[in-house]
Amino acid sequence: MMFGPHIGFGGFGMIFGCLFFIVIIAAIITFIVLAAKSSKHRYEYWNKMGDKSLEILKERYAKGEITKEQFESMKKDLGY
């Protein structure tokens, strides 16, 4: 009776274990890369929206819809 640690699989159990580990590592790396790209796109989107909000604020001030004090207050609220 010869029973070893790989009953039924022979050396293939170790190979499958290594392949499984490699697949898990690849999935983790893929997740991190996709999350980083998504984060970059969100930052660019909100950065563009911030620029647009300042343009709208300037237009409202130029049209006389808001006073200088309101303009400065709103500009400060937007982080400029």
PDB file of N, CA and C in Angstrom:
ATOM      1  N   MET A   1       0.822  -1.169   0.000  1.00  0.00           N
ATOM      2  CA  MET A   1       0.000   0.000   0.000  1.00  0.00           C
ATOM      3  C   MET A   1       0.873   1.241   0.000  1.00  0.00           C
ATOM      4  N   MET A   2       0.754   1.975  -1.049  1.00  0.00           N
ATOM      5  CA  MET A   2       1.543   3.196  -1.116  1.00  0.00           C
ATOM      6  C   MET A   2       0.579   4.371  -1.213  1.00  0.00           C
ATOM      7  N   PHE A   3       0.409   5.026  -0.083  1.00  0.00           N
ATOM      8  CA  PHE A   3      -0.429   6.220  -0.044  1.00  0.00           C
ATOM      9  C   PHE A   3       0.464   7.418   0.232  1.00  0.00           C
ATOM     10  N   GLY A   4       0.368   8.409  -0.600  1.00  0.00           N
ATOM     11  CA  GLY A   4       1.173   9.610  -0.399  1.00  0.00           C
ATOM     12  C   GLY A   4       0.270  10.821  -0.208  1.00  0.00           C
ATOM     13  N   PRO A   5       0.871  11.981  -0.177  1.00  0.00           N
ATOM     14  CA  PRO A   5       0.095  13.200   0.052  1.00  0.00           C
ATOM     15  C   PRO A   5      -0.801  13.575  -1.135  1.00  0.00           C
ATOM     16  N   HIS A   6      -0.585  12.995  -2.289  1.00  0.00           N
ATOM     17  CA  HIS A   6      -1.351  13.344  -3.487  1.00  0.00           C
ATOM     18  C   HIS A   6      -2.160  12.145  -3.966  1.00  0.00           C
ATOM     19  N   ILE A   7      -2.961  11.599  -3.108  1.00  0.00           N
ATOM     20  CA  ILE A   7      -3.745  10.423  -3.462  1.00  0.00           C
ATOM     21  C   ILE A   7      -4.706  10.773  -4.588  1.00  0.00           C
ATOM     22  N   GLY A   8      -4.635  10.044  -5.656  1.00  0.00           N
ATOM     23  CA  GLY A   8      -5.556  10.221  -6.759  1.00  0.00           C
ATOM     24  C   GLY A   8      -5.113  11.242  -7.783  1.00  0.00           C
ATOM     25  N   PHE A   9      -4.233  12.163  -7.436  1.00  0.00           N
ATOM     26  CA  PHE A   9      -3.818  13.190  -8.382  1.00  0.00           C
ATOM     27  C   PHE A   9      -2.360  13.050  -8.801  1.00  0.00           C
ATOM     28  N   GLY A  10      -1.588  12.370  -8.054  1.00  0.00           N
ATOM     29  CA  GLY A  10      -0.173  12.282  -8.368  1.00  0.00           C
ATOM     30  C   GLY A  10       0.452  13.663  -8.224  1.00  0.00           C
ATOM     31  N   GLY A  11       1.276  14.050  -9.156  1.00  0.00           N
ATOM     32  CA  GLY A  11       1.925  15.363  -9.139  1.00  0.00           C
ATOM     33  C   GLY A  11       1.032  16.465  -9.657  1.00  0.00           C
ATOM     34  N   PHE A  12      -0.112  16.091 -10.218  1.00  0.00           N
ATOM     35  CA  PHE A  12      -1.011  17.092 -10.795  1.00  0.00           C
ATOM     36  C   PHE A  12      -1.650  17.981  -9.731  1.00  0.00           C
ATOM     37  N   GLY A  13      -1.818  17.478  -8.527  1.00  0.00           N
ATOM     38  CA  GLY A  13      -2.401  18.291  -7.447  1.00  0.00           C
ATOM     39  C   GLY A  13      -1.565  19.527  -7.176  1.00  0.00           C
ATOM     40  N   MET A  14      -0.258  19.378  -7.190  1.00  0.00           N
ATOM     41  CA  MET A  14       0.632  20.504  -6.958  1.00  0.00           C
ATOM     42  C   MET A  14       0.566  21.486  -8.129  1.00  0.00           C
ATOM     43  N   ILE A  15       0.485  20.965  -9.336  1.00  0.00           N
ATOM     44  CA  ILE A  15       0.399  21.829 -10.533  1.00  0.00           C
ATOM     45  C   ILE A  15      -0.897  22.634 -10.496  1.00  0.00           C
ATOM     46  N   PHE A  16      -2.021  21.975 -10.197  1.00  0.00           N
ATOM     47  CA  PHE A  16      -3.297  22.681 -10.127  1.00  0.00           C
ATOM     48  C   PHE A  16      -3.295  23.720  -9.001  1.00  0.00           C
ATOM     49  N   GLY A  17      -2.673  23.392  -7.910  1.00  0.00           N
ATOM     50  CA  GLY A  17      -2.567  24.341  -6.794  1.00  0.00           C
ATOM     51  C   GLY A  17      -1.803  25.586  -7.201  1.00  0.00           C
ATOM     52  N   CYS A  18      -0.691  25.408  -7.907  1.00  0.00           N
ATOM     53  CA  CYS A  18       0.100  26.550  -8.385  1.00  0.00           C
ATOM     54  C   CYS A  18      -0.680  27.371  -9.401  1.00  0.00           C
ATOM     55  N   LEU A  19      -1.373  26.706 -10.320  1.00  0.00           N
ATOM     56  CA  LEU A  19      -2.168  27.420 -11.312  1.00  0.00           C
ATOM     57  C   LEU A  19      -3.288  28.215 -10.645  1.00  0.00           C
ATOM     58  N   PHE A  20      -3.936  27.628  -9.647  1.00  0.00           N
ATOM     59  CA  PHE A  20      -4.991  28.318  -8.920  1.00  0.00           C
ATOM     60  C   PHE A  20      -4.440  29.572  -8.246  1.00  0.00           C
ATOM     61  N   PHE A  21      -3.285  29.444  -7.632  1.00  0.00           N
ATOM     62  CA  PHE A  21      -2.636  30.573  -6.971  1.00  0.00           C
ATOM     63  C   PHE A  21      -2.311  31.671  -7.983  1.00  0.00           C
ATOM     64  N   ILE A  22      -1.805  31.315  -9.143  1.00  0.00           N
ATOM     65  CA  ILE A  22      -1.478  32.285 -10.192  1.00  0.00           C
ATOM     66  C   ILE A  22      -2.744  33.000 -10.681  1.00  0.00           C
ATOM     67  N   VAL A  23      -3.827  32.250 -10.850  1.00  0.00           N
ATOM     68  CA  VAL A  23      -5.091  32.863 -11.293  1.00  0.00           C
ATOM     69  C   VAL A  23      -5.591  33.858 -10.245  1.00  0.00           C
ATOM     70  N   ILE A  24      -5.496  33.522  -8.974  1.00  0.00           N
ATOM     71  CA  ILE A  24      -5.933  34.426  -7.906  1.00  0.00           C
ATOM     72  C   ILE A  24      -5.096  35.702  -7.915  1.00  0.00           C
ATOM     73  N   ILE A  25      -3.797  35.574  -8.044  1.00  0.00           N
ATOM     74  CA  ILE A  25      -2.910  36.747  -8.085  1.00  0.00           C
ATOM     75  C   ILE A  25      -3.239  37.615  -9.299  1.00  0.00           C
ATOM     76  N   ALA A  26      -3.467  37.012 -10.461  1.00  0.00           N
ATOM     77  CA  ALA A  26      -3.817  37.764 -11.670  1.00  0.00           C
ATOM     78  C   ALA A  26      -5.138  38.499 -11.490  1.00  0.00           C
ATOM     79  N   ALA A  27      -6.107  37.866 -10.845  1.00  0.00           N
ATOM     80  CA  ALA A  27      -7.399  38.512 -10.609  1.00  0.00           C
ATOM     81  C   ALA A  27      -7.242  39.715  -9.679  1.00  0.00           C
ATOM     82  N   ILE A  28      -6.434  39.590  -8.667  1.00  0.00           N
ATOM     83  CA  ILE A  28      -6.198  40.699  -7.741  1.00  0.00           C
ATOM     84  C   ILE A  28      -5.521  41.858  -8.462  1.00  0.00           C
ATOM     85  N   ILE A  29      -4.520  41.569  -9.263  1.00  0.00           N
ATOM     86  CA  ILE A  29      -3.817  42.618 -10.017  1.00  0.00           C
ATOM     87  C   ILE A  29      -4.772  43.302 -10.989  1.00  0.00           C
ATOM     88  N   THR A  30      -5.598  42.522 -11.683  1.00  0.00           N
ATOM     89  CA  THR A  30      -6.578  43.094 -12.616  1.00  0.00           C
ATOM     90  C   THR A  30      -7.547  44.008 -11.878  1.00  0.00           C
ATOM     91  N   PHE A  31      -8.029  43.583 -10.735  1.00  0.00           N
ATOM     92  CA  PHE A  31      -8.946  44.400  -9.936  1.00  0.00           C
ATOM     93  C   PHE A  31      -8.298  45.718  -9.539  1.00  0.00           C
ATOM     94  N   ILE A  32      -7.041  45.679  -9.099  1.00  0.00           N
ATOM     95  CA  ILE A  32      -6.344  46.896  -8.678  1.00  0.00           C
ATOM     96  C   ILE A  32      -6.162  47.853  -9.857  1.00  0.00           C
ATOM     97  N   VAL A  33      -5.774  47.328 -11.012  1.00  0.00           N
ATOM     98  CA  VAL A  33      -5.571  48.171 -12.195  1.00  0.00           C
ATOM     99  C   VAL A  33      -6.886  48.820 -12.622  1.00  0.00           C
ATOM    100  N   LEU A  34      -7.966  48.043 -12.673  1.00  0.00           N
ATOM    101  CA  LEU A  34      -9.267  48.594 -13.074  1.00  0.00           C
ATOM    102  C   LEU A  34      -9.763  49.637 -12.071  1.00  0.00           C
ATOM    103  N   ALA A  35      -9.553  49.401 -10.797  1.00  0.00           N
ATOM    104  CA  ALA A  35      -9.968  50.364  -9.779  1.00  0.00           C
ATOM    105  C   ALA A  35      -9.182  51.667  -9.913  1.00  0.00           C
ATOM    106  N   ALA A  36      -7.889  51.563 -10.214  1.00  0.00           N
ATOM    107  CA  ALA A  36      -7.067  52.763 -10.382  1.00  0.00           C
ATOM    108  C   ALA A  36      -7.516  53.563 -11.602  1.00  0.00           C
ATOM    109  N   LYS A  37      -7.812  52.882 -12.702  1.00  0.00           N
ATOM    110  CA  LYS A  37      -8.275  53.577 -13.902  1.00  0.00           C
ATOM    111  C   LYS A  37      -9.614  54.249 -13.653  1.00  0.00           C
ATOM    112  N   SER A  38     -10.515  53.576 -12.974  1.00  0.00           N
ATOM    113  CA  SER A  38     -11.827  54.132 -12.670  1.00  0.00           C
ATOM    114  C   SER A  38     -11.687  55.371 -11.795  1.00  0.00           C
ATOM    115  N   SER A  39     -10.806  55.310 -10.830  1.00  0.00           N
ATOM    116  CA  SER A  39     -10.575  56.442  -9.941  1.00  0.00           C
ATOM    117  C   SER A  39     -10.045  57.637 -10.725  1.00  0.00           C
ATOM    118  N   LYS A  40      -9.144  57.399 -11.663  1.00  0.00           N
ATOM    119  CA  LYS A  40      -8.573  58.474 -12.481  1.00  0.00           C
ATOM    120  C   LYS A  40      -9.666  59.127 -13.323  1.00  0.00           C
ATOM    121  N   HIS A  41     -10.545  58.322 -13.919  1.00  0.00           N
ATOM    122  CA  HIS A  41     -11.620  58.867 -14.749  1.00  0.00           C
ATOM    123  C   HIS A  41     -12.583  59.694 -13.915  1.00  0.00           C
ATOM    124  N   ARG A  42     -12.900  59.234 -12.702  1.00  0.00           N
ATOM    125  CA  ARG A  42     -13.791  59.990 -11.834  1.00  0.00           C
ATOM    126  C   ARG A  42     -13.170  61.329 -11.464  1.00  0.00           C
ATOM    127  N   TYR A  43     -11.860  61.338 -11.179  1.00  0.00           N
ATOM    128  CA  TYR A  43     -11.174  62.580 -10.825  1.00  0.00           C
ATOM    129  C   TYR A  43     -11.206  63.553 -11.991  1.00  0.00           C
ATOM    130  N   GLU A  44     -10.922  63.064 -13.194  1.00  0.00           N
ATOM    131  CA  GLU A  44     -10.939  63.930 -14.371  1.00  0.00           C
ATOM    132  C   GLU A  44     -12.343  64.485 -14.614  1.00  0.00           C
ATOM    133  N   TYR A  45     -13.369  63.667 -14.435  1.00  0.00           N
ATOM    134  CA  TYR A  45     -14.746  64.109 -14.633  1.00  0.00           C
ATOM    135  C   TYR A  45     -15.086  65.238 -13.669  1.00  0.00           C
ATOM    136  N   TRP A  46     -14.817  65.041 -12.388  1.00  0.00           N
ATOM    137  CA  TRP A  46     -15.170  66.062 -11.404  1.00  0.00           C
ATOM    138  C   TRP A  46     -14.313  67.296 -11.559  1.00  0.00           C
ATOM    139  N   ASN A  47     -13.070  67.139 -11.997  1.00  0.00           N
ATOM    140  CA  ASN A  47     -12.208  68.291 -12.225  1.00  0.00           C
ATOM    141  C   ASN A  47     -12.781  69.141 -13.359  1.00  0.00           C
ATOM    142  N   LYS A  48     -13.251  68.490 -14.438  1.00  0.00           N
ATOM    143  CA  LYS A  48     -13.869  69.222 -15.545  1.00  0.00           C
ATOM    144  C   LYS A  48     -15.152  69.892 -15.096  1.00  0.00           C
ATOM    145  N   MET A  49     -15.939  69.218 -14.267  1.00  0.00           N
ATOM    146  CA  MET A  49     -17.175  69.797 -13.766  1.00  0.00           C
ATOM    147  C   MET A  49     -16.885  71.023 -12.914  1.00  0.00           C
ATOM    148  N   GLY A  50     -15.801  70.986 -12.150  1.00  0.00           N
ATOM    149  CA  GLY A  50     -15.425  72.138 -11.339  1.00  0.00           C
ATOM    150  C   GLY A  50     -15.092  73.330 -12.206  1.00  0.00           C
ATOM    151  N   ASP A  51     -14.370  73.110 -13.304  1.00  0.00           N
ATOM    152  CA  ASP A  51     -14.043  74.183 -14.226  1.00  0.00           C
ATOM    153  C   ASP A  51     -15.311  74.765 -14.831  1.00  0.00           C
ATOM    154  N   LYS A  52     -16.247  73.917 -15.176  1.00  0.00           N
ATOM    155  CA  LYS A  52     -17.497  74.372 -15.768  1.00  0.00           C
ATOM    156  C   LYS A  52     -18.303  75.197 -14.765  1.00  0.00           C
ATOM    157  N   SER A  53     -18.297  74.783 -13.504  1.00  0.00           N
ATOM    158  CA  SER A  53     -19.052  75.529 -12.498  1.00  0.00           C
ATOM    159  C   SER A  53     -18.477  76.929 -12.314  1.00  0.00           C
ATOM    160  N   LEU A  54     -17.161  77.071 -12.393  1.00  0.00           N
ATOM    161  CA  LEU A  54     -16.549  78.394 -12.284  1.00  0.00           C
ATOM    162  C   LEU A  54     -16.917  79.255 -13.491  1.00  0.00           C
ATOM    163  N   GLU A  55     -16.955  78.663 -14.676  1.00  0.00           N
ATOM    164  CA  GLU A  55     -17.359  79.398 -15.877  1.00  0.00           C
ATOM    165  C   GLU A  55     -18.798  79.907 -15.736  1.00  0.00           C
ATOM    166  N   ILE A  56     -19.694  79.054 -15.239  1.00  0.00           N
ATOM    167  CA  ILE A  56     -21.091  79.451 -15.047  1.00  0.00           C
ATOM    168  C   ILE A  56     -21.177  80.591 -14.034  1.00  0.00           C
ATOM    169  N   LEU A  57     -20.395  80.474 -12.970  1.00  0.00           N
ATOM    170  CA  LEU A  57     -20.390  81.513 -11.946  1.00  0.00           C
ATOM    171  C   LEU A  57     -19.910  82.841 -12.528  1.00  0.00           C
ATOM    172  N   LYS A  58     -18.875  82.798 -13.340  1.00  0.00           N
ATOM    173  CA  LYS A  58     -18.367  84.022 -13.980  1.00  0.00           C
ATOM    174  C   LYS A  58     -19.408  84.624 -14.919  1.00  0.00           C
ATOM    175  N   GLU A  59     -20.112  83.774 -15.649  1.00  0.00           N
ATOM    176  CA  GLU A  59     -21.160  84.260 -16.556  1.00  0.00           C
ATOM    177  C   GLU A  59     -22.279  84.948 -15.766  1.00  0.00           C
ATOM    178  N   ARG A  60     -22.687  84.347 -14.665  1.00  0.00           N
ATOM    179  CA  ARG A  60     -23.747  84.944 -13.853  1.00  0.00           C
ATOM    180  C   ARG A  60     -23.322  86.291 -13.297  1.00  0.00           C
ATOM    181  N   TYR A  61     -22.058  86.395 -12.904  1.00  0.00           N
ATOM    182  CA  TYR A  61     -21.548  87.671 -12.398  1.00  0.00           C
ATOM    183  C   TYR A  61     -21.495  88.703 -13.523  1.00  0.00           C
ATOM    184  N   ALA A  62     -21.051  88.288 -14.693  1.00  0.00           N
ATOM    185  CA  ALA A  62     -20.959  89.195 -15.837  1.00  0.00           C
ATOM    186  C   ALA A  62     -22.343  89.692 -16.274  1.00  0.00           C
ATOM    187  N   LYS A  63     -23.347  88.836 -16.162  1.00  0.00           N
ATOM    188  CA  LYS A  63     -24.718  89.230 -16.536  1.00  0.00           C
ATOM    189  C   LYS A  63     -25.382  90.096 -15.462  1.00  0.00           C
ATOM    190  N   GLY A  64     -24.759  90.180 -14.297  1.00  0.00           N
ATOM    191  CA  GLY A  64     -25.333  90.976 -13.223  1.00  0.00           C
ATOM    192  C   GLY A  64     -26.356  90.221 -12.390  1.00  0.00           C
ATOM    193  N   GLU A  65     -26.394  88.915 -12.534  1.00  0.00           N
ATOM    194  CA  GLU A  65     -27.348  88.118 -11.762  1.00  0.00           C
ATOM    195  C   GLU A  65     -26.956  88.018 -10.291  1.00  0.00           C
ATOM    196  N   ILE A  66     -25.656  88.133 -10.003  1.00  0.00           N
ATOM    197  CA  ILE A  66     -25.175  88.053  -8.623  1.00  0.00           C
ATOM    198  C   ILE A  66     -24.232  89.222  -8.353  1.00  0.00           C
ATOM    199  N   THR A  67     -24.109  89.584  -7.087  1.00  0.00           N
ATOM    200  CA  THR A  67     -23.221  90.686  -6.700  1.00  0.00           C
ATOM    201  C   THR A  67     -21.798  90.164  -6.562  1.00  0.00           C
ATOM    202  N   LYS A  68     -20.862  91.107  -6.398  1.00  0.00           N
ATOM    203  CA  LYS A  68     -19.461  90.719  -6.229  1.00  0.00           C
ATOM    204  C   LYS A  68     -19.281  89.895  -4.954  1.00  0.00           C
ATOM    205  N   GLU A  69     -19.992  90.264  -3.894  1.00  0.00           N
ATOM    206  CA  GLU A  69     -19.887  89.524  -2.635  1.00  0.00           C
ATOM    207  C   GLU A  69     -20.402  88.089  -2.807  1.00  0.00           C
ATOM    208  N   GLN A  70     -21.520  87.947  -3.521  1.00  0.00           N
ATOM    209  CA  GLN A  70     -22.059  86.609  -3.785  1.00  0.00           C
ATOM    210  C   GLN A  70     -21.093  85.804  -4.646  1.00  0.00           C
ATOM    211  N   PHE A  71     -20.513  86.480  -5.644  1.00  0.00           N
ATOM    212  CA  PHE A  71     -19.542  85.813  -6.518  1.00  0.00           C
ATOM    213  C   PHE A  71     -18.369  85.284  -5.718  1.00  0.00           C
ATOM    214  N   GLU A  72     -17.786  86.154  -4.880  1.00  0.00           N
ATOM    215  CA  GLU A  72     -16.625  85.743  -4.080  1.00  0.00           C
ATOM    216  C   GLU A  72     -16.990  84.616  -3.111  1.00  0.00           C
ATOM    217  N   SER A  73     -18.162  84.708  -2.514  1.00  0.00           N
ATOM    218  CA  SER A  73     -18.599  83.666  -1.576  1.00  0.00           C
ATOM    219  C   SER A  73     -18.784  82.323  -2.285  1.00  0.00           C
ATOM    220  N   MET A  74     -19.454  82.359  -3.437  1.00  0.00           N
ATOM    221  CA  MET A  74     -19.696  81.120  -4.195  1.00  0.00           C
ATOM    222  C   MET A  74     -18.383  80.556  -4.729  1.00  0.00           C
ATOM    223  N   LYS A  75     -17.499  81.433  -5.161  1.00  0.00           N
ATOM    224  CA  LYS A  75     -16.188  80.990  -5.670  1.00  0.00           C
ATOM    225  C   LYS A  75     -15.419  80.293  -4.547  1.00  0.00           C
ATOM    226  N   LYS A  76     -15.485  80.853  -3.357  1.00  0.00           N
ATOM    227  CA  LYS A  76     -14.811  80.243  -2.200  1.00  0.00           C
ATOM    228  C   LYS A  76     -15.431  78.886  -1.871  1.00  0.00           C
ATOM    229  N   ASP A  77     -16.771  78.806  -1.969  1.00  0.00           N
ATOM    230  CA  ASP A  77     -17.465  77.533  -1.716  1.00  0.00           C
ATOM    231  C   ASP A  77     -17.046  76.456  -2.704  1.00  0.00           C
ATOM    232  N   LEU A  78     -16.745  76.870  -3.936  1.00  0.00           N
ATOM    233  CA  LEU A  78     -16.310  75.914  -4.952  1.00  0.00           C
ATOM    234  C   LEU A  78     -14.850  75.509  -4.798  1.00  0.00           C
ATOM    235  N   GLY A  79     -14.124  76.225  -3.947  1.00  0.00           N
ATOM    236  CA  GLY A  79     -12.726  75.867  -3.697  1.00  0.00           C
ATOM    237  C   GLY A  79     -11.743  76.608  -4.569  1.00  0.00           C
ATOM    238  N   TYR A  80     -12.134  77.748  -5.097  1.00  0.00           N
ATOM    239  CA  TYR A  80     -11.211  78.527  -5.943  1.00  0.00           C
ATOM    240  C   TYR A  80     -10.714  79.735  -5.210  1.00  0.00           C
TER     241      TYR A  80
END
